[in-house]
Amino acid sequence: MEFIASIKAILPWFIRAGNYLRLKYYYRADWEVFRPWREHFKVELRVDSKRGLITHATPFVGFDDQLTSCMEHLIQGEPVVLVSAAPGCGKSRFALELARKLGKHESLWECFFVGHDLARATASIRKLRKVRRIVLFIDDAHKCPDLADRLAKVARESEGRHSLHVVCLCRLSLLHVLTSRIKGGISRVELGNLGVDQLSEIIQAKKRRLSTS
């Protein structure tokens, strides 16, 4: 019994290692269209990143309830989640934290950001689906509704251990572009605006980081 328990304990790590090797070597040619989330945010995650005052290296505040809701949608197996917000409200940062949380708490999930290239994404998706439990993020999905619709269809057709899910990040004012194009049910999560206290917390953390660098 102890031996079986030990095997069950280390099995996820072997699966994770296998996925890592496939992503690093077998799928490397497809990274321009399907980019692992750490690669996608590589520059922004650097300590010395100068990309704006509020960066992806600052504390994540303000959207905990929406993050939990989105996690629940994905874990329950819902294929398409649409995250909307006004410009500058933190859709990309929200996606980063969602990818981090899935990787931390659901270790068999892999998260990718999709380039706006319908032809290449369609050609590569079959190979990518061999990875267990994929979440594809489409940033500014309102700019590529055909791609979002195509990947949503693939997600609805997937099931079981190799299930695929799509998270579309969209401007609130252009929400209708996706809801009119993507056929079938969509789970929706709307982000609000950060409050003064939340913005102050982020700015103070950024100042502390700059003063110690």
N, C-alpha and C. Protein backbone atom coordinates (compact mmCIF):
# COMPACT_ATOMS: atom_id res chain seq x y z
N MET A 1 0.82 -1.21 0.00
CA MET A 1 0.00 0.00 0.00
C MET A 1 0.86 1.26 0.00
N GLU A 2 1.94 1.23 0.80
CA GLU A 2 2.83 2.38 0.84
C GLU A 2 3.48 2.61 -0.51
N PHE A 3 3.83 1.52 -1.20
CA PHE A 3 4.46 1.64 -2.52
C PHE A 3 3.50 2.29 -3.51
N ILE A 4 2.23 1.85 -3.50
CA ILE A 4 1.23 2.41 -4.41
C ILE A 4 1.00 3.89 -4.10
N ALA A 5 0.97 4.21 -2.81
CA ALA A 5 0.78 5.61 -2.41
C ALA A 5 1.95 6.47 -2.90
N SER A 6 3.16 5.91 -2.83
CA SER A 6 4.34 6.65 -3.29
C SER A 6 4.28 6.90 -4.78
N ILE A 7 3.85 5.88 -5.53
CA ILE A 7 3.73 6.02 -6.98
C ILE A 7 2.72 7.10 -7.34
N LYS A 8 1.58 7.07 -6.65
CA LYS A 8 0.54 8.07 -6.90
C LYS A 8 1.03 9.47 -6.58
N ALA A 9 1.90 9.58 -5.57
CA ALA A 9 2.40 10.89 -5.17
C ALA A 9 3.36 11.49 -6.19
N ILE A 10 4.19 10.63 -6.82
CA ILE A 10 5.19 11.16 -7.75
C ILE A 10 4.74 11.13 -9.20
N LEU A 11 3.62 10.46 -9.49
CA LEU A 11 3.15 10.36 -10.88
C LEU A 11 2.91 11.73 -11.52
N PRO A 12 2.25 12.67 -10.82
CA PRO A 12 2.05 13.98 -11.45
C PRO A 12 3.35 14.67 -11.84
N TRP A 13 4.42 14.44 -11.07
CA TRP A 13 5.70 15.06 -11.40
C TRP A 13 6.30 14.47 -12.66
N PHE A 14 6.14 13.16 -12.87
CA PHE A 14 6.62 12.54 -14.10
C PHE A 14 5.84 13.05 -15.31
N ILE A 15 4.52 13.19 -15.14
CA ILE A 15 3.69 13.71 -16.23
C ILE A 15 4.09 15.14 -16.54
N ARG A 16 4.32 15.91 -15.49
CA ARG A 16 4.74 17.31 -15.67
C ARG A 16 6.07 17.39 -16.42
N ALA A 17 7.01 16.51 -16.06
CA ALA A 17 8.32 16.49 -16.72
C ALA A 17 8.18 16.11 -18.19
N GLY A 18 7.30 15.14 -18.48
CA GLY A 18 7.07 14.75 -19.87
C GLY A 18 6.48 15.88 -20.68
N ASN A 19 5.52 16.60 -20.10
CA ASN A 19 4.94 17.76 -20.78
C ASN A 19 5.99 18.82 -21.04
N TYR A 20 6.87 19.04 -20.04
CA TYR A 20 7.91 20.06 -20.19
C TYR A 20 8.84 19.73 -21.35
N LEU A 21 9.26 18.46 -21.44
CA LEU A 21 10.17 18.06 -22.52
C LEU A 21 9.50 18.19 -23.89
N ARG A 22 8.22 17.83 -23.97
CA ARG A 22 7.51 17.98 -25.23
C ARG A 22 7.41 19.45 -25.64
N LEU A 23 7.12 20.29 -24.65
CA LEU A 23 6.98 21.71 -24.95
C LEU A 23 8.32 22.33 -25.35
N LYS A 24 9.38 21.88 -24.72
CA LYS A 24 10.70 22.47 -24.96
C LYS A 24 11.29 22.05 -26.30
N TYR A 25 11.01 20.81 -26.73
CA TYR A 25 11.64 20.31 -27.95
C TYR A 25 10.63 20.03 -29.07
N TYR A 26 9.62 19.23 -28.79
CA TYR A 26 8.70 18.79 -29.84
C TYR A 26 7.85 19.94 -30.37
N TYR A 27 7.41 20.86 -29.47
CA TYR A 27 6.51 21.93 -29.87
C TYR A 27 7.24 23.26 -30.11
N ARG A 28 8.55 23.27 -30.01
CA ARG A 28 9.26 24.55 -30.06
C ARG A 28 8.98 25.33 -31.34
N ALA A 29 8.82 24.65 -32.46
CA ALA A 29 8.57 25.33 -33.74
C ALA A 29 7.22 26.04 -33.75
N ASP A 30 6.31 25.66 -32.85
CA ASP A 30 4.97 26.25 -32.81
C ASP A 30 4.85 27.36 -31.78
N TRP A 31 5.94 27.73 -31.13
CA TRP A 31 5.85 28.70 -30.05
C TRP A 31 5.45 30.09 -30.52
N GLU A 32 5.68 30.40 -31.81
CA GLU A 32 5.30 31.72 -32.29
C GLU A 32 3.79 31.90 -32.27
N VAL A 33 3.04 30.82 -32.36
CA VAL A 33 1.59 30.93 -32.33
C VAL A 33 1.01 30.44 -31.00
N PHE A 34 1.62 29.44 -30.36
CA PHE A 34 1.22 28.98 -29.03
C PHE A 34 2.42 29.16 -28.10
N ARG A 35 2.39 30.21 -27.29
CA ARG A 35 3.54 30.52 -26.43
C ARG A 35 3.22 30.18 -24.97
N PRO A 36 4.07 29.37 -24.32
CA PRO A 36 3.88 29.11 -22.89
C PRO A 36 3.82 30.43 -22.13
N TRP A 37 3.02 30.49 -21.07
CA TRP A 37 2.78 31.77 -20.42
C TRP A 37 4.06 32.40 -19.85
N ARG A 38 4.99 31.59 -19.39
CA ARG A 38 6.23 32.17 -18.86
C ARG A 38 7.04 32.82 -19.98
N GLU A 39 7.01 32.23 -21.16
CA GLU A 39 7.70 32.80 -22.30
C GLU A 39 6.98 34.08 -22.77
N HIS A 40 5.68 34.06 -22.74
CA HIS A 40 4.89 35.21 -23.20
C HIS A 40 5.15 36.44 -22.34
N PHE A 41 5.30 36.23 -21.03
CA PHE A 41 5.50 37.35 -20.10
C PHE A 41 6.95 37.48 -19.66
N LYS A 42 7.86 36.91 -20.40
CA LYS A 42 9.26 36.84 -19.98
C LYS A 42 9.84 38.21 -19.65
N VAL A 43 9.63 39.19 -20.52
CA VAL A 43 10.21 40.52 -20.32
C VAL A 43 9.54 41.22 -19.14
N GLU A 44 8.21 41.16 -19.09
CA GLU A 44 7.49 41.85 -18.02
C GLU A 44 7.78 41.29 -16.64
N LEU A 45 8.17 40.03 -16.56
CA LEU A 45 8.42 39.40 -15.27
C LEU A 45 9.83 39.64 -14.75
N ARG A 46 10.68 40.25 -15.55
CA ARG A 46 12.03 40.56 -15.08
C ARG A 46 11.97 41.62 -14.00
N VAL A 47 12.85 41.49 -13.00
CA VAL A 47 12.87 42.44 -11.88
C VAL A 47 13.17 43.84 -12.37
N ASP A 48 14.03 43.98 -13.41
CA ASP A 48 14.43 45.29 -13.89
C ASP A 48 13.54 45.79 -15.03
N SER A 49 12.36 45.18 -15.18
CA SER A 49 11.47 45.58 -16.26
C SER A 49 11.06 47.04 -16.11
N LYS A 50 11.12 47.80 -17.21
CA LYS A 50 10.74 49.21 -17.19
C LYS A 50 9.43 49.44 -17.93
N ARG A 51 8.67 48.41 -18.15
CA ARG A 51 7.43 48.54 -18.91
C ARG A 51 6.29 49.06 -18.03
N GLY A 52 6.31 50.34 -17.78
CA GLY A 52 5.22 50.96 -17.07
C GLY A 52 5.36 50.90 -15.55
N LEU A 53 4.59 51.78 -14.89
CA LEU A 53 4.64 51.83 -13.43
C LEU A 53 3.99 50.60 -12.81
N ILE A 54 2.83 50.21 -13.36
CA ILE A 54 2.14 49.02 -12.86
C ILE A 54 2.50 47.85 -13.77
N THR A 55 3.39 47.00 -13.32
CA THR A 55 3.88 45.90 -14.14
C THR A 55 3.39 44.57 -13.61
N HIS A 56 3.72 43.52 -14.32
CA HIS A 56 3.33 42.18 -13.90
C HIS A 56 4.15 41.68 -12.71
N ALA A 57 5.14 42.46 -12.30
CA ALA A 57 5.95 42.07 -11.15
C ALA A 57 5.39 42.65 -9.85
N THR A 58 4.40 43.53 -9.95
CA THR A 58 3.81 44.13 -8.76
C THR A 58 2.75 43.21 -8.16
N PRO A 59 2.32 43.47 -6.91
CA PRO A 59 1.32 42.59 -6.28
C PRO A 59 0.02 42.55 -7.08
N PHE A 60 -0.63 41.42 -7.05
CA PHE A 60 -1.92 41.27 -7.72
C PHE A 60 -3.02 41.58 -6.72
N VAL A 61 -3.78 42.64 -6.98
CA VAL A 61 -4.85 43.02 -6.06
C VAL A 61 -6.09 43.37 -6.87
N GLY A 62 -7.25 43.18 -6.25
CA GLY A 62 -8.47 43.72 -6.84
C GLY A 62 -9.40 42.77 -7.54
N PHE A 63 -8.90 41.61 -8.02
CA PHE A 63 -9.75 40.74 -8.81
C PHE A 63 -9.78 39.31 -8.27
N ASP A 64 -9.66 39.15 -6.97
CA ASP A 64 -9.61 37.81 -6.39
C ASP A 64 -10.90 37.04 -6.63
N ASP A 65 -12.04 37.70 -6.48
CA ASP A 65 -13.32 37.02 -6.69
C ASP A 65 -13.48 36.57 -8.14
N GLN A 66 -13.09 37.43 -9.06
CA GLN A 66 -13.19 37.08 -10.48
C GLN A 66 -12.22 35.97 -10.84
N LEU A 67 -11.06 35.97 -10.20
CA LEU A 67 -10.07 34.91 -10.44
C LEU A 67 -10.62 33.57 -9.97
N THR A 68 -11.21 33.56 -8.80
CA THR A 68 -11.81 32.33 -8.28
C THR A 68 -12.93 31.84 -9.19
N SER A 69 -13.76 32.76 -9.66
CA SER A 69 -14.87 32.41 -10.55
C SER A 69 -14.36 31.79 -11.84
N CYS A 70 -13.33 32.38 -12.41
CA CYS A 70 -12.77 31.87 -13.66
C CYS A 70 -12.16 30.49 -13.45
N MET A 71 -11.46 30.31 -12.33
CA MET A 71 -10.88 29.01 -12.00
C MET A 71 -11.97 27.95 -11.91
N GLU A 72 -13.07 28.29 -11.27
CA GLU A 72 -14.16 27.33 -11.09
C GLU A 72 -14.76 26.93 -12.44
N HIS A 73 -14.92 27.90 -13.34
CA HIS A 73 -15.44 27.59 -14.67
C HIS A 73 -14.55 26.56 -15.37
N LEU A 74 -13.24 26.77 -15.32
CA LEU A 74 -12.31 25.89 -16.02
C LEU A 74 -12.25 24.51 -15.38
N ILE A 75 -12.16 24.47 -14.06
CA ILE A 75 -12.04 23.20 -13.35
C ILE A 75 -13.31 22.35 -13.53
N GLN A 76 -14.45 23.03 -13.64
CA GLN A 76 -15.71 22.32 -13.86
C GLN A 76 -15.87 21.83 -15.30
N GLY A 77 -14.90 22.18 -16.15
CA GLY A 77 -14.90 21.65 -17.51
C GLY A 77 -15.55 22.54 -18.55
N GLU A 78 -15.89 23.77 -18.21
CA GLU A 78 -16.51 24.64 -19.19
C GLU A 78 -15.47 25.04 -20.24
N PRO A 79 -15.79 24.90 -21.53
CA PRO A 79 -14.78 25.04 -22.58
C PRO A 79 -14.36 26.46 -22.90
N VAL A 80 -15.28 27.44 -22.79
CA VAL A 80 -14.97 28.81 -23.22
C VAL A 80 -15.34 29.80 -22.13
N VAL A 81 -14.36 30.63 -21.72
CA VAL A 81 -14.59 31.68 -20.74
C VAL A 81 -14.21 33.01 -21.37
N LEU A 82 -15.09 33.99 -21.28
CA LEU A 82 -14.85 35.31 -21.85
C LEU A 82 -14.63 36.30 -20.72
N VAL A 83 -13.41 36.87 -20.66
CA VAL A 83 -13.07 37.84 -19.63
C VAL A 83 -13.06 39.22 -20.27
N SER A 84 -13.90 40.12 -19.78
CA SER A 84 -14.02 41.45 -20.38
C SER A 84 -13.74 42.54 -19.36
N ALA A 85 -13.22 43.66 -19.87
CA ALA A 85 -12.94 44.82 -19.02
C ALA A 85 -12.66 46.01 -19.92
N ALA A 86 -12.75 47.19 -19.35
CA ALA A 86 -12.39 48.39 -20.10
C ALA A 86 -10.88 48.42 -20.32
N PRO A 87 -10.40 49.17 -21.33
CA PRO A 87 -8.95 49.24 -21.59
C PRO A 87 -8.18 49.70 -20.36
N GLY A 88 -7.06 49.02 -20.08
CA GLY A 88 -6.20 49.41 -18.99
C GLY A 88 -6.62 48.91 -17.62
N CYS A 89 -7.65 48.09 -17.55
CA CYS A 89 -8.14 47.60 -16.25
C CYS A 89 -7.44 46.33 -15.79
N GLY A 90 -6.56 45.77 -16.60
CA GLY A 90 -5.76 44.64 -16.12
C GLY A 90 -6.12 43.28 -16.65
N LYS A 91 -6.60 43.21 -17.89
CA LYS A 91 -6.95 41.89 -18.46
C LYS A 91 -5.73 41.00 -18.59
N SER A 92 -4.63 41.54 -19.09
CA SER A 92 -3.42 40.74 -19.27
C SER A 92 -2.86 40.28 -17.94
N ARG A 93 -2.87 41.16 -16.94
CA ARG A 93 -2.38 40.79 -15.62
C ARG A 93 -3.27 39.71 -15.00
N PHE A 94 -4.56 39.84 -15.21
CA PHE A 94 -5.50 38.84 -14.74
C PHE A 94 -5.18 37.48 -15.35
N ALA A 95 -4.89 37.47 -16.66
CA ALA A 95 -4.56 36.23 -17.35
C ALA A 95 -3.28 35.62 -16.81
N LEU A 96 -2.30 36.45 -16.52
CA LEU A 96 -1.04 35.96 -15.94
C LEU A 96 -1.29 35.28 -14.61
N GLU A 97 -2.07 35.90 -13.75
CA GLU A 97 -2.34 35.32 -12.44
C GLU A 97 -3.16 34.04 -12.55
N LEU A 98 -4.06 33.99 -13.51
CA LEU A 98 -4.85 32.77 -13.72
C LEU A 98 -3.93 31.63 -14.16
N ALA A 99 -3.00 31.92 -15.07
CA ALA A 99 -2.05 30.90 -15.52
C ALA A 99 -1.17 30.43 -14.37
N ARG A 100 -0.72 31.36 -13.55
CA ARG A 100 0.10 31.01 -12.39
C ARG A 100 -0.68 30.10 -11.42
N LYS A 101 -1.92 30.48 -11.16
CA LYS A 101 -2.71 29.72 -10.19
C LYS A 101 -3.04 28.33 -10.71
N LEU A 102 -3.34 28.21 -11.99
CA LEU A 102 -3.60 26.89 -12.56
C LEU A 102 -2.37 26.01 -12.45
N GLY A 103 -1.20 26.59 -12.74
CA GLY A 103 0.04 25.82 -12.66
C GLY A 103 0.38 25.41 -11.24
N LYS A 104 0.00 26.23 -10.26
CA LYS A 104 0.33 25.95 -8.86
C LYS A 104 -0.63 24.96 -8.23
N HIS A 105 -1.92 25.14 -8.49
CA HIS A 105 -2.92 24.32 -7.80
C HIS A 105 -3.44 23.17 -8.64
N GLU A 106 -3.27 23.24 -9.95
CA GLU A 106 -3.70 22.17 -10.84
C GLU A 106 -2.50 21.81 -11.72
N SER A 107 -1.57 21.03 -11.17
CA SER A 107 -0.25 20.87 -11.76
C SER A 107 -0.23 20.18 -13.11
N LEU A 108 -1.35 19.59 -13.53
CA LEU A 108 -1.36 18.91 -14.82
C LEU A 108 -1.88 19.81 -15.93
N TRP A 109 -2.13 21.09 -15.65
CA TRP A 109 -2.60 22.03 -16.66
C TRP A 109 -1.42 22.75 -17.30
N GLU A 110 -1.56 23.07 -18.58
CA GLU A 110 -0.57 23.88 -19.29
C GLU A 110 -1.30 25.07 -19.91
N CYS A 111 -0.70 26.25 -19.79
CA CYS A 111 -1.34 27.47 -20.28
C CYS A 111 -0.50 28.10 -21.40
N PHE A 112 -1.17 28.47 -22.48
CA PHE A 112 -0.52 29.08 -23.64
C PHE A 112 -1.25 30.35 -24.05
N PHE A 113 -0.49 31.31 -24.59
CA PHE A 113 -1.08 32.49 -25.20
C PHE A 113 -1.00 32.32 -26.71
N VAL A 114 -2.11 32.62 -27.38
CA VAL A 114 -2.25 32.32 -28.80
C VAL A 114 -2.00 33.56 -29.64
N GLY A 115 -1.11 33.44 -30.63
CA GLY A 115 -0.91 34.52 -31.58
C GLY A 115 -2.09 34.63 -32.53
N HIS A 116 -2.33 35.80 -33.06
CA HIS A 116 -3.48 36.03 -33.94
C HIS A 116 -3.19 35.55 -35.35
N ASP A 117 -3.06 34.24 -35.51
CA ASP A 117 -2.75 33.64 -36.80
C ASP A 117 -3.64 32.42 -36.97
N LEU A 118 -4.78 32.60 -37.63
CA LEU A 118 -5.76 31.53 -37.76
C LEU A 118 -5.20 30.31 -38.47
N ALA A 119 -4.48 30.52 -39.57
CA ALA A 119 -3.97 29.41 -40.37
C ALA A 119 -2.98 28.56 -39.57
N ARG A 120 -2.03 29.20 -38.91
CA ARG A 120 -1.02 28.46 -38.17
C ARG A 120 -1.61 27.80 -36.93
N ALA A 121 -2.53 28.48 -36.28
CA ALA A 121 -3.15 27.89 -35.10
C ALA A 121 -3.95 26.65 -35.48
N THR A 122 -4.66 26.72 -36.59
CA THR A 122 -5.45 25.58 -37.05
C THR A 122 -4.55 24.40 -37.40
N ALA A 123 -3.40 24.70 -38.03
CA ALA A 123 -2.47 23.65 -38.44
C ALA A 123 -1.77 22.99 -37.25
N SER A 124 -1.58 23.73 -36.17
CA SER A 124 -0.78 23.24 -35.04
C SER A 124 -1.62 22.68 -33.90
N ILE A 125 -2.90 22.93 -33.89
CA ILE A 125 -3.71 22.60 -32.71
C ILE A 125 -3.77 21.10 -32.45
N ARG A 126 -3.76 20.27 -33.49
CA ARG A 126 -3.85 18.82 -33.26
C ARG A 126 -2.64 18.32 -32.48
N LYS A 127 -1.47 18.82 -32.83
CA LYS A 127 -0.26 18.39 -32.13
C LYS A 127 -0.26 18.88 -30.68
N LEU A 128 -0.72 20.08 -30.47
CA LEU A 128 -0.73 20.64 -29.13
C LEU A 128 -1.70 19.92 -28.22
N ARG A 129 -2.78 19.38 -28.78
CA ARG A 129 -3.81 18.73 -27.97
C ARG A 129 -3.33 17.43 -27.31
N LYS A 130 -2.13 16.98 -27.63
CA LYS A 130 -1.60 15.79 -26.97
C LYS A 130 -1.16 16.08 -25.54
N VAL A 131 -1.03 17.37 -25.20
CA VAL A 131 -0.70 17.74 -23.83
C VAL A 131 -1.98 17.67 -22.99
N ARG A 132 -1.85 17.25 -21.75
CA ARG A 132 -3.03 17.14 -20.89
C ARG A 132 -3.53 18.50 -20.45
N ARG A 133 -4.81 18.70 -20.49
CA ARG A 133 -5.49 19.88 -19.95
C ARG A 133 -4.81 21.19 -20.36
N ILE A 134 -5.25 21.72 -21.45
CA ILE A 134 -4.68 22.94 -21.99
C ILE A 134 -5.65 24.10 -21.78
N VAL A 135 -5.11 25.26 -21.42
CA VAL A 135 -5.88 26.50 -21.42
C VAL A 135 -5.21 27.44 -22.41
N LEU A 136 -5.95 27.85 -23.43
CA LEU A 136 -5.45 28.78 -24.43
C LEU A 136 -6.00 30.17 -24.14
N PHE A 137 -5.12 31.15 -24.00
CA PHE A 137 -5.52 32.53 -23.77
C PHE A 137 -5.41 33.30 -25.09
N ILE A 138 -6.47 34.00 -25.45
CA ILE A 138 -6.45 34.85 -26.64
C ILE A 138 -6.60 36.29 -26.17
N ASP A 139 -5.51 37.04 -26.17
CA ASP A 139 -5.55 38.44 -25.76
C ASP A 139 -6.14 39.28 -26.90
N ASP A 140 -6.91 40.30 -26.55
CA ASP A 140 -7.59 41.13 -27.56
C ASP A 140 -8.33 40.25 -28.56
N ALA A 141 -9.12 39.33 -28.02
CA ALA A 141 -9.81 38.36 -28.88
C ALA A 141 -10.81 39.02 -29.82
N HIS A 142 -11.24 40.25 -29.48
CA HIS A 142 -12.16 40.96 -30.37
C HIS A 142 -11.52 41.30 -31.71
N LYS A 143 -10.18 41.26 -31.77
CA LYS A 143 -9.47 41.54 -33.02
C LYS A 143 -9.40 40.31 -33.93
N CYS A 144 -9.68 39.14 -33.39
CA CYS A 144 -9.59 37.91 -34.19
C CYS A 144 -10.77 36.99 -33.85
N PRO A 145 -12.00 37.41 -34.12
CA PRO A 145 -13.17 36.61 -33.75
C PRO A 145 -13.22 35.25 -34.45
N ASP A 146 -12.69 35.17 -35.68
CA ASP A 146 -12.69 33.88 -36.38
C ASP A 146 -11.79 32.87 -35.67
N LEU A 147 -10.63 33.33 -35.20
CA LEU A 147 -9.72 32.46 -34.45
C LEU A 147 -10.38 32.02 -33.14
N ALA A 148 -11.00 32.94 -32.44
CA ALA A 148 -11.67 32.60 -31.18
C ALA A 148 -12.77 31.58 -31.42
N ASP A 149 -13.54 31.76 -32.49
CA ASP A 149 -14.62 30.82 -32.80
C ASP A 149 -14.06 29.44 -33.14
N ARG A 150 -12.97 29.40 -33.90
CA ARG A 150 -12.37 28.13 -34.30
C ARG A 150 -11.85 27.37 -33.09
N LEU A 151 -11.15 28.04 -32.20
CA LEU A 151 -10.60 27.37 -31.02
C LEU A 151 -11.71 26.99 -30.04
N ALA A 152 -12.78 27.79 -30.00
CA ALA A 152 -13.92 27.44 -29.15
C ALA A 152 -14.56 26.14 -29.61
N LYS A 153 -14.65 25.95 -30.91
CA LYS A 153 -15.22 24.72 -31.45
C LYS A 153 -14.35 23.52 -31.09
N VAL A 154 -13.03 23.68 -31.20
CA VAL A 154 -12.11 22.60 -30.83
C VAL A 154 -12.24 22.28 -29.35
N ALA A 155 -12.38 23.31 -28.52
CA ALA A 155 -12.50 23.11 -27.08
C ALA A 155 -13.77 22.33 -26.74
N ARG A 156 -14.86 22.64 -27.43
CA ARG A 156 -16.12 21.93 -27.15
C ARG A 156 -16.07 20.48 -27.59
N GLU A 157 -15.22 20.17 -28.56
CA GLU A 157 -15.10 18.80 -29.04
C GLU A 157 -14.15 17.97 -28.19
N SER A 158 -13.35 18.61 -27.37
CA SER A 158 -12.37 17.89 -26.54
C SER A 158 -13.03 17.42 -25.25
N GLU A 159 -12.44 16.41 -24.66
CA GLU A 159 -12.98 15.88 -23.41
C GLU A 159 -11.95 15.00 -22.73
N GLY A 160 -12.22 14.67 -21.49
CA GLY A 160 -11.37 13.74 -20.76
C GLY A 160 -10.02 14.31 -20.39
N ARG A 161 -9.03 13.46 -20.37
CA ARG A 161 -7.70 13.83 -19.88
C ARG A 161 -7.00 14.83 -20.77
N HIS A 162 -7.39 14.92 -22.04
CA HIS A 162 -6.77 15.87 -22.95
C HIS A 162 -7.73 17.01 -23.29
N SER A 163 -8.47 17.47 -22.30
CA SER A 163 -9.43 18.54 -22.53
C SER A 163 -8.73 19.86 -22.82
N LEU A 164 -9.38 20.69 -23.61
CA LEU A 164 -8.85 21.99 -24.00
C LEU A 164 -9.88 23.05 -23.66
N HIS A 165 -9.39 24.18 -23.16
CA HIS A 165 -10.26 25.28 -22.76
C HIS A 165 -9.72 26.58 -23.33
N VAL A 166 -10.60 27.53 -23.60
CA VAL A 166 -10.21 28.81 -24.20
C VAL A 166 -10.67 29.95 -23.30
N VAL A 167 -9.74 30.86 -23.02
CA VAL A 167 -10.06 32.08 -22.28
C VAL A 167 -9.85 33.26 -23.22
N CYS A 168 -10.93 33.94 -23.58
CA CYS A 168 -10.86 35.10 -24.48
C CYS A 168 -10.83 36.37 -23.64
N LEU A 169 -9.82 37.20 -23.85
CA LEU A 169 -9.71 38.49 -23.17
C LEU A 169 -10.18 39.57 -24.14
N CYS A 170 -11.17 40.35 -23.72
CA CYS A 170 -11.84 41.24 -24.65
C CYS A 170 -12.17 42.58 -24.00
N ARG A 171 -12.12 43.65 -24.79
CA ARG A 171 -12.59 44.95 -24.31
C ARG A 171 -14.09 44.90 -24.10
N LEU A 172 -14.52 45.51 -23.02
CA LEU A 172 -15.94 45.49 -22.68
C LEU A 172 -16.80 46.10 -23.78
N SER A 173 -16.31 47.18 -24.39
CA SER A 173 -17.08 47.87 -25.43
C SER A 173 -17.20 47.06 -26.72
N LEU A 174 -16.34 46.04 -26.89
CA LEU A 174 -16.36 45.23 -28.11
C LEU A 174 -16.80 43.79 -27.82
N LEU A 175 -17.45 43.61 -26.70
CA LEU A 175 -17.90 42.29 -26.30
C LEU A 175 -18.82 41.66 -27.34
N HIS A 176 -19.65 42.50 -27.96
CA HIS A 176 -20.62 42.00 -28.94
C HIS A 176 -19.96 41.34 -30.13
N VAL A 177 -18.71 41.74 -30.45
CA VAL A 177 -18.00 41.15 -31.59
C VAL A 177 -17.80 39.66 -31.38
N LEU A 178 -17.48 39.25 -30.15
CA LEU A 178 -17.26 37.84 -29.86
C LEU A 178 -18.55 37.09 -29.59
N THR A 179 -19.46 37.69 -28.83
CA THR A 179 -20.69 36.98 -28.49
C THR A 179 -21.56 36.71 -29.71
N SER A 180 -21.42 37.54 -30.74
CA SER A 180 -22.18 37.32 -31.97
C SER A 180 -21.49 36.32 -32.89
N ARG A 181 -20.18 36.12 -32.69
CA ARG A 181 -19.40 35.24 -33.58
C ARG A 181 -19.26 33.84 -33.03
N ILE A 182 -18.98 33.72 -31.73
CA ILE A 182 -18.77 32.40 -31.13
C ILE A 182 -20.12 31.75 -30.86
N LYS A 183 -20.34 30.62 -31.47
CA LYS A 183 -21.60 29.91 -31.30
C LYS A 183 -21.52 28.97 -30.10
N GLY A 184 -22.61 28.84 -29.40
CA GLY A 184 -22.61 27.97 -28.23
C GLY A 184 -22.48 28.78 -26.95
N GLY A 185 -22.55 28.10 -25.82
CA GLY A 185 -22.51 28.77 -24.53
C GLY A 185 -21.14 29.32 -24.19
N ILE A 186 -21.14 30.47 -23.53
CA ILE A 186 -19.92 31.11 -23.09
C ILE A 186 -20.07 31.49 -21.61
N SER A 187 -19.09 31.15 -20.79
CA SER A 187 -19.06 31.60 -19.40
C SER A 187 -18.38 32.97 -19.37
N ARG A 188 -19.00 33.93 -18.71
CA ARG A 188 -18.48 35.29 -18.74
C ARG A 188 -18.01 35.76 -17.38
N VAL A 189 -16.87 36.45 -17.37
CA VAL A 189 -16.32 37.06 -16.16
C VAL A 189 -15.98 38.50 -16.49
N GLU A 190 -16.56 39.44 -15.78
CA GLU A 190 -16.30 40.86 -16.05
C GLU A 190 -15.45 41.45 -14.94
N LEU A 191 -14.37 42.12 -15.33
CA LEU A 191 -13.49 42.78 -14.37
C LEU A 191 -13.99 44.21 -14.14
N GLY A 192 -13.89 44.67 -12.92
CA GLY A 192 -14.25 46.05 -12.63
C GLY A 192 -13.03 46.94 -12.68
N ASN A 193 -13.16 48.12 -12.09
CA ASN A 193 -12.04 49.05 -11.99
C ASN A 193 -11.35 48.91 -10.65
N LEU A 194 -10.04 49.12 -10.63
CA LEU A 194 -9.32 49.11 -9.37
C LEU A 194 -9.66 50.36 -8.56
N GLY A 195 -9.80 50.19 -7.25
CA GLY A 195 -10.08 51.32 -6.39
C GLY A 195 -8.81 52.09 -6.05
N VAL A 196 -8.99 53.24 -5.40
CA VAL A 196 -7.86 54.10 -5.04
C VAL A 196 -6.88 53.35 -4.12
N ASP A 197 -7.40 52.63 -3.13
CA ASP A 197 -6.54 51.90 -2.19
C ASP A 197 -5.74 50.82 -2.91
N GLN A 198 -6.37 50.15 -3.85
CA GLN A 198 -5.68 49.09 -4.59
C GLN A 198 -4.57 49.67 -5.47
N LEU A 199 -4.87 50.77 -6.15
CA LEU A 199 -3.85 51.43 -6.97
C LEU A 199 -2.69 51.91 -6.11
N SER A 200 -3.01 52.45 -4.94
CA SER A 200 -1.97 52.94 -4.03
C SER A 200 -1.06 51.80 -3.59
N GLU A 201 -1.65 50.64 -3.30
CA GLU A 201 -0.86 49.48 -2.88
C GLU A 201 0.11 49.05 -3.98
N ILE A 202 -0.35 49.03 -5.21
CA ILE A 202 0.50 48.65 -6.34
C ILE A 202 1.63 49.64 -6.53
N ILE A 203 1.30 50.93 -6.49
CA ILE A 203 2.31 51.97 -6.71
C ILE A 203 3.36 51.97 -5.61
N GLN A 204 2.95 51.80 -4.36
CA GLN A 204 3.91 51.76 -3.26
C GLN A 204 4.84 50.56 -3.39
N ALA A 205 4.30 49.41 -3.80
CA ALA A 205 5.14 48.23 -3.99
C ALA A 205 6.15 48.46 -5.10
N LYS A 206 5.72 49.11 -6.17
CA LYS A 206 6.63 49.41 -7.28
C LYS A 206 7.73 50.36 -6.83
N LYS A 207 7.38 51.36 -6.02
CA LYS A 207 8.38 52.30 -5.52
C LYS A 207 9.41 51.57 -4.65
N ARG A 208 8.95 50.66 -3.80
CA ARG A 208 9.88 49.90 -2.95
C ARG A 208 10.82 49.07 -3.80
N ARG A 209 10.28 48.46 -4.87
CA ARG A 209 11.11 47.66 -5.76
C ARG A 209 12.17 48.51 -6.44
N LEU A 210 11.78 49.70 -6.91
CA LEU A 210 12.73 50.58 -7.59
C LEU A 210 13.80 51.10 -6.65
N SER A 211 13.43 51.35 -5.39
CA SER A 211 14.39 51.89 -4.43
C SER A 211 15.43 50.87 -4.01
N THR A 212 15.11 49.58 -4.11
CA THR A 212 16.04 48.53 -3.72
C THR A 212 16.81 47.95 -4.90
N SER A 213 16.46 48.35 -6.12
CA SER A 213 17.15 47.79 -7.30
C SER A 213 18.37 48.63 -7.67
